[in-house]
């Protein structure tokens, strides 16, 4: 009889812990000791993570469905797009192929947000401390079937990384237009919430 009482309490406790899991990039991490190439790229990824965290914090269904025009993407579709690119950003330091097409249709807003933030954090960790020579081994690899097409890491910087920053700004604009602006205390310069 005790198990019938304890089981619901255990399930509720586990659900509350999962909801309270702190995602990365509530604040931007402390900056590195040097301006080595790996640290600079890691900091760019951290800047993206911080912007994405606050651009996507507290979105409701009305926001997720919002789009500026009939031809445009909804915020939810933009989250799906960023998630896919975050996987590529994470895979590049290991030259891990990005298999296409990728099915993410079952992922929820919470899945996309959490997964993107965790992917970006893992990518930043992988880049931290890397030397210029290490970058020669980093590849962006697209795979369709058995065919692989590799690109140098340069394409990651001007491609996916820059595109994600661009789209985080779009989400910020679109959510403002849908009536749910981001927290006004976000300071992207300091990577923290203002306390004033």
Protein backbone atom coordinates (compact mmCIF):
# COMPACT_ATOMS: atom_id res chain seq x y z
CA UNK A 1 0.00 0.00 0.00
CA UNK A 2 2.90 2.35 0.72
CA UNK A 3 4.15 2.01 -2.85
CA UNK A 4 0.88 3.48 -4.15
CA UNK A 5 1.48 6.58 -2.04
CA UNK A 6 5.21 6.92 -2.72
CA UNK A 7 5.10 6.37 -6.48
CA UNK A 8 3.06 9.52 -7.32
CA UNK A 9 5.25 11.59 -4.98
CA UNK A 10 8.40 10.25 -6.65
CA UNK A 11 7.04 10.98 -10.15
CA UNK A 12 6.03 14.51 -9.14
CA UNK A 13 9.46 15.15 -7.61
CA UNK A 14 11.26 13.96 -10.75
CA UNK A 15 9.04 16.13 -12.95
CA UNK A 16 9.74 19.20 -10.80
CA UNK A 17 13.49 18.56 -10.93
CA UNK A 18 13.40 18.24 -14.72
CA UNK A 19 11.50 21.52 -15.00
CA UNK A 20 13.96 23.27 -12.72
CA UNK A 21 17.02 22.07 -14.66
CA UNK A 22 19.03 25.17 -15.32
CA UNK A 23 19.82 25.61 -18.96
CA UNK A 24 23.11 27.12 -20.07
CA UNK A 25 23.42 30.79 -21.00
CA UNK A 26 21.19 32.46 -18.43
CA UNK A 27 24.39 34.48 -18.10
CA UNK A 28 27.37 34.50 -20.40
CA UNK A 29 30.34 32.62 -18.90
CA UNK A 30 33.41 34.46 -17.66
CA UNK A 31 35.76 35.33 -20.49
CA UNK A 32 38.89 33.26 -21.16
CA UNK A 33 42.41 34.26 -20.17
CA UNK A 34 43.63 34.78 -23.73
CA UNK A 35 42.45 35.70 -27.21
CA UNK A 36 43.49 32.42 -28.83
CA UNK A 37 41.44 31.43 -31.89
CA UNK A 38 39.51 28.68 -30.14
CA UNK A 39 38.61 30.99 -27.27
CA UNK A 40 37.43 33.71 -29.65
CA UNK A 41 35.12 31.29 -31.49
CA UNK A 42 33.92 29.83 -28.17
CA UNK A 43 33.07 33.36 -27.01
CA UNK A 44 31.13 33.99 -30.23
CA UNK A 45 29.15 30.82 -29.55
CA UNK A 46 28.59 31.93 -25.94
CA UNK A 47 27.32 35.31 -27.18
CA UNK A 48 24.89 33.50 -29.45
CA UNK A 49 23.81 31.22 -26.59
CA UNK A 50 23.07 34.19 -24.33
CA UNK A 51 21.08 36.00 -27.03
CA UNK A 52 19.17 32.83 -27.91
CA UNK A 53 18.40 32.08 -24.25
CA UNK A 54 16.73 35.43 -23.73
CA UNK A 55 15.14 35.64 -27.19
CA UNK A 56 13.38 32.33 -26.51
CA UNK A 57 12.65 32.67 -22.78
CA UNK A 58 8.94 32.59 -21.93
CA UNK A 59 7.47 32.17 -25.40
CA UNK A 60 3.78 31.27 -25.47
CA UNK A 61 1.81 29.53 -28.20
CA UNK A 62 0.72 32.90 -29.63
CA UNK A 63 4.41 33.83 -30.05
CA UNK A 64 5.39 30.46 -31.50
CA UNK A 65 2.68 30.73 -34.15
CA UNK A 66 3.51 34.34 -35.03
CA UNK A 67 5.02 35.25 -38.39
CA UNK A 68 5.45 38.64 -40.02
CA UNK A 69 3.91 37.62 -43.35
CA UNK A 70 2.26 34.68 -45.06
CA UNK A 71 5.54 33.77 -46.78
CA UNK A 72 7.63 34.09 -43.62
CA UNK A 73 8.57 31.52 -41.00
CA UNK A 74 6.80 31.34 -37.67
CA UNK A 75 8.91 31.73 -34.55
CA UNK A 76 8.52 27.97 -34.01
CA UNK A 77 9.83 27.22 -37.51
CA UNK A 78 12.75 29.55 -36.83
CA UNK A 79 13.49 27.61 -33.62
CA UNK A 80 13.56 24.40 -35.66
CA UNK A 81 15.96 25.99 -38.16
CA UNK A 82 18.30 27.21 -35.41
CA UNK A 83 18.23 23.81 -33.71
CA UNK A 84 19.44 22.12 -36.89
CA UNK A 85 22.27 24.63 -37.24
CA UNK A 86 23.21 24.25 -33.56
CA UNK A 87 23.82 20.56 -34.22
CA UNK A 88 26.13 21.50 -37.10
CA UNK A 89 27.99 23.98 -34.88
CA UNK A 90 28.41 21.24 -32.29
CA UNK A 91 29.51 18.61 -34.85
CA UNK A 92 32.17 20.68 -36.66
CA UNK A 93 35.02 20.42 -34.09
CA UNK A 94 34.77 16.63 -34.35
CA UNK A 95 34.19 16.67 -38.13
CA UNK A 96 31.05 14.65 -37.47
CA UNK A 97 28.78 14.39 -40.54
CA UNK A 98 25.45 16.21 -40.52
CA UNK A 99 23.08 13.64 -41.99
CA UNK A 100 20.31 15.15 -44.12
CA UNK A 101 17.39 15.24 -44.18
CA UNK A 102 16.98 15.56 -40.40
CA UNK A 103 13.55 14.86 -38.88
CA UNK A 104 12.82 17.14 -35.93
CA UNK A 105 9.06 17.34 -36.41
CA UNK A 106 8.32 15.66 -33.05
CA UNK A 107 10.37 18.16 -31.02
CA UNK A 108 8.44 20.62 -28.86
CA UNK A 109 9.34 24.23 -28.08
CA UNK A 110 10.95 23.06 -24.82
CA UNK A 111 12.90 20.32 -26.66
CA UNK A 112 14.16 22.75 -29.30
CA UNK A 113 15.13 25.43 -26.79
CA UNK A 114 16.87 23.06 -24.39
CA UNK A 115 18.58 21.10 -27.18
CA UNK A 116 19.85 24.22 -28.91
CA UNK A 117 21.27 25.71 -25.72
CA UNK A 118 22.96 22.43 -24.79
CA UNK A 119 24.36 22.01 -28.32
CA UNK A 120 25.81 25.52 -28.24
CA UNK A 121 27.32 24.94 -24.81
CA UNK A 122 28.92 21.69 -25.97
CA UNK A 123 30.28 23.45 -29.08
CA UNK A 124 31.76 26.26 -26.99
CA UNK A 125 33.42 23.75 -24.67
CA UNK A 126 34.87 21.88 -27.65
CA UNK A 127 36.34 25.09 -29.13
CA UNK A 128 37.81 26.56 -25.94
CA UNK A 129 41.60 26.57 -25.94
CA UNK A 130 42.00 25.31 -29.52
CA UNK A 131 44.93 26.59 -31.56
CA UNK A 132 44.99 27.84 -35.14
CA UNK A 133 46.47 24.50 -36.23
CA UNK A 134 43.48 22.64 -34.72
CA UNK A 135 41.09 24.49 -37.04
CA UNK A 136 42.57 22.73 -40.07
CA UNK A 137 40.99 19.50 -38.78
CA UNK A 138 37.53 20.95 -38.11
CA UNK A 139 35.13 20.29 -40.95
CA UNK A 140 31.51 20.99 -41.71
CA UNK A 141 30.36 17.80 -43.39
CA UNK A 142 26.97 17.36 -45.04
CA UNK A 143 25.87 13.80 -45.72
CA UNK A 144 23.01 12.65 -47.93
CA UNK A 145 22.88 8.90 -48.24
CA UNK A 146 26.47 7.77 -48.72
CA UNK A 147 27.67 11.07 -50.23
CA UNK A 148 29.62 13.41 -47.94
CA UNK A 149 30.51 16.99 -48.81
CA UNK A 150 33.12 18.59 -46.50
CA UNK A 151 33.75 22.32 -45.99
CA UNK A 152 36.40 24.11 -43.90
CA UNK A 153 35.50 25.70 -40.55
CA UNK A 154 35.52 29.11 -42.24
CA UNK A 155 32.10 28.21 -43.66
CA UNK A 156 30.83 27.56 -40.12
CA UNK A 157 31.77 31.08 -39.04
CA UNK A 158 30.18 32.95 -41.94
CA UNK A 159 27.44 30.33 -42.33
CA UNK A 160 25.69 28.66 -39.42
CA UNK A 161 27.17 30.71 -36.57
CA UNK A 162 26.38 34.06 -38.19
CA UNK A 163 22.99 32.81 -39.39
CA UNK A 164 21.97 31.74 -35.86
CA UNK A 165 22.87 35.19 -34.49
CA UNK A 166 20.79 36.73 -37.27
CA UNK A 167 17.80 34.48 -36.48
CA UNK A 168 18.02 35.12 -32.72
CA UNK A 169 17.55 38.79 -33.61
CA UNK A 170 14.55 37.88 -35.76
CA UNK A 171 12.94 36.05 -32.85
CA UNK A 172 13.49 39.09 -30.64
CA UNK A 173 11.78 41.30 -33.22
CA UNK A 174 8.93 38.87 -33.93
CA UNK A 175 8.10 38.30 -30.28
CA UNK A 176 7.99 42.06 -29.76
CA UNK A 177 5.55 42.31 -32.66
CA UNK A 178 3.42 39.52 -31.17
CA UNK A 179 3.16 41.48 -27.91
CA UNK A 180 5.72 39.62 -25.76
CA UNK A 181 9.03 41.55 -25.80
CA UNK A 182 12.17 40.11 -24.19
CA UNK A 183 13.14 41.01 -20.66
CA UNK A 184 14.16 44.69 -20.78
CA UNK A 185 16.98 44.04 -18.30
CA UNK A 186 18.96 41.85 -20.71
CA UNK A 187 22.40 43.36 -21.34
CA UNK A 188 24.09 41.63 -24.27
CA UNK A 189 27.16 43.83 -23.70
CA UNK A 190 27.67 42.52 -20.16
CA UNK A 191 26.10 39.11 -20.72
CA UNK A 192 23.90 39.50 -17.66
CA UNK A 193 20.58 40.88 -16.54
CA UNK A 194 20.80 44.46 -15.32
CA UNK A 195 19.89 44.72 -11.64
CA UNK A 196 18.79 48.38 -11.57
